[in-house]
Amino acid sequence: MIPDIRRHLHNTPFEPFTIVTGGGDKYTVVTSDHAGINPTGTRVVVWFDDGSSVTISDIHIVAIEKNPVTVNHPA
């Protein structure tokens, strides 16, 4: 899953996505600056706007979900 996350982080234009763990936790990556992969490719850190973060081991990542994009249509 780490290679998939790396591809999502480098997509141009960037599209938000959610990392899903085996325990059912979900962590949304809203911009490419909100996540990073450690040098050995075994962990992902997701940073949140409130200054907190979570580190997720690759063995706990079970899925990556694309986030739906809200489109505002003129009335």
C-alpha atoms as a PDB file:
ATOM      1  CA  MET A   1       0.000   0.000   0.000  1.00  0.00           C
ATOM      2  CA  ILE A   2       2.888   2.412   0.614  1.00  0.00           C
ATOM      3  CA  PRO A   3       3.706   2.643  -3.123  1.00  0.00           C
ATOM      4  CA  ASP A   4       0.038   3.484  -3.775  1.00  0.00           C
ATOM      5  CA  ILE A   5       0.118   6.207  -1.128  1.00  0.00           C
ATOM      6  CA  ARG A   6       3.326   7.579  -2.619  1.00  0.00           C
ATOM      7  CA  ARG A   7       1.622   7.783  -6.036  1.00  0.00           C
ATOM      8  CA  HIS A   8      -1.397   9.551  -4.513  1.00  0.00           C
ATOM      9  CA  LEU A   9       0.880  12.073  -2.814  1.00  0.00           C
ATOM     10  CA  HIS A  10       2.638  12.853  -6.108  1.00  0.00           C
ATOM     11  CA  ASN A  11      -0.483  13.045  -8.305  1.00  0.00           C
ATOM     12  CA  THR A  12      -0.876  16.290 -10.214  1.00  0.00           C
ATOM     13  CA  PRO A  13      -3.336  17.701  -9.582  1.00  0.00           C
ATOM     14  CA  PHE A  14      -3.490  16.337  -6.052  1.00  0.00           C
ATOM     15  CA  GLU A  15      -6.713  14.579  -5.076  1.00  0.00           C
ATOM     16  CA  PRO A  16      -7.550  14.084  -1.382  1.00  0.00           C
ATOM     17  CA  PHE A  17      -7.684  10.466  -0.222  1.00  0.00           C
ATOM     18  CA  THR A  18      -8.330   8.468   2.927  1.00  0.00           C
ATOM     19  CA  ILE A  19      -6.104   5.798   4.460  1.00  0.00           C
ATOM     20  CA  VAL A  20      -8.075   2.948   6.053  1.00  0.00           C
ATOM     21  CA  THR A  21      -6.554   0.685   8.721  1.00  0.00           C
ATOM     22  CA  GLY A  22      -7.410  -2.885   9.633  1.00  0.00           C
ATOM     23  CA  GLY A  23      -9.024  -1.601  12.825  1.00  0.00           C
ATOM     24  CA  GLY A  24     -11.420   0.526  10.798  1.00  0.00           C
ATOM     25  CA  ASP A  25      -9.792   3.887  11.513  1.00  0.00           C
ATOM     26  CA  LYS A  26      -9.786   6.353   8.622  1.00  0.00           C
ATOM     27  CA  TYR A  27      -7.354   9.219   8.117  1.00  0.00           C
ATOM     28  CA  THR A  28      -7.979  11.759   5.384  1.00  0.00           C
ATOM     29  CA  VAL A  29      -5.045  13.344   3.584  1.00  0.00           C
ATOM     30  CA  VAL A  30      -6.372  16.698   2.384  1.00  0.00           C
ATOM     31  CA  THR A  31      -3.194  17.967   0.671  1.00  0.00           C
ATOM     32  CA  SER A  32       0.158  16.434  -0.215  1.00  0.00           C
ATOM     33  CA  ASP A  33       1.673  18.465   2.648  1.00  0.00           C
ATOM     34  CA  HIS A  34      -0.526  16.606   5.146  1.00  0.00           C
ATOM     35  CA  ALA A  35       1.288  13.254   4.820  1.00  0.00           C
ATOM     36  CA  GLY A  36       4.735  11.801   4.444  1.00  0.00           C
ATOM     37  CA  ILE A  37       6.410   8.417   4.139  1.00  0.00           C
ATOM     38  CA  ASN A  38       9.440   7.489   6.216  1.00  0.00           C
ATOM     39  CA  PRO A  39      12.696   6.781   4.304  1.00  0.00           C
ATOM     40  CA  THR A  40      12.399   2.999   4.635  1.00  0.00           C
ATOM     41  CA  GLY A  41       8.829   3.011   3.308  1.00  0.00           C
ATOM     42  CA  THR A  42       7.317   1.263   6.310  1.00  0.00           C
ATOM     43  CA  ARG A  43       5.280   4.065   7.897  1.00  0.00           C
ATOM     44  CA  VAL A  44       3.055   6.942   6.881  1.00  0.00           C
ATOM     45  CA  VAL A  45       2.590  10.056   8.988  1.00  0.00           C
ATOM     46  CA  VAL A  46      -0.619  12.038   8.525  1.00  0.00           C
ATOM     47  CA  TRP A  47      -0.700  15.576   9.929  1.00  0.00           C
ATOM     48  CA  PHE A  48      -3.930  17.347  10.847  1.00  0.00           C
ATOM     49  CA  ASP A  49      -4.743  21.056  10.832  1.00  0.00           C
ATOM     50  CA  ASP A  50      -4.949  21.128  14.646  1.00  0.00           C
ATOM     51  CA  GLY A  51      -1.231  20.278  14.864  1.00  0.00           C
ATOM     52  CA  SER A  52      -1.711  16.627  15.805  1.00  0.00           C
ATOM     53  CA  SER A  53      -0.558  13.661  13.748  1.00  0.00           C
ATOM     54  CA  VAL A  54      -0.784   9.906  13.475  1.00  0.00           C
ATOM     55  CA  THR A  55       1.864   7.424  12.375  1.00  0.00           C
ATOM     56  CA  ILE A  56       0.545   4.335  10.609  1.00  0.00           C
ATOM     57  CA  SER A  57       2.606   1.202  10.042  1.00  0.00           C
ATOM     58  CA  ASP A  58       2.325  -0.277   6.563  1.00  0.00           C
ATOM     59  CA  ILE A  59       1.055  -3.589   7.954  1.00  0.00           C
ATOM     60  CA  HIS A  60      -2.035  -1.824   9.315  1.00  0.00           C
ATOM     61  CA  ILE A  61      -3.068  -0.141   6.059  1.00  0.00           C
ATOM     62  CA  VAL A  62      -5.783  -2.132   4.312  1.00  0.00           C
ATOM     63  CA  ALA A  63      -7.244   0.331   1.812  1.00  0.00           C
ATOM     64  CA  ILE A  64      -7.014   3.729   0.221  1.00  0.00           C
ATOM     65  CA  GLU A  65     -10.263   5.493  -0.579  1.00  0.00           C
ATOM     66  CA  LYS A  66     -10.605   8.375  -2.990  1.00  0.00           C
ATOM     67  CA  ASN A  67     -12.586  11.167  -1.436  1.00  0.00           C
ATOM     68  CA  PRO A  68     -15.616  12.385  -3.332  1.00  0.00           C
ATOM     69  CA  VAL A  69     -15.227  15.868  -4.682  1.00  0.00           C
ATOM     70  CA  THR A  70     -18.019  18.301  -3.932  1.00  0.00           C
ATOM     71  CA  VAL A  71     -18.931  20.287  -6.984  1.00  0.00           C
ATOM     72  CA  ASN A  72     -20.870  23.503  -6.578  1.00  0.00           C
ATOM     73  CA  HIS A  73     -23.306  23.924  -9.430  1.00  0.00           C
ATOM     74  CA  PRO A  74     -24.666  27.380 -10.200  1.00  0.00           C
ATOM     75  CA  ALA A  75     -28.368  27.727  -9.384  1.00  0.00           C
END
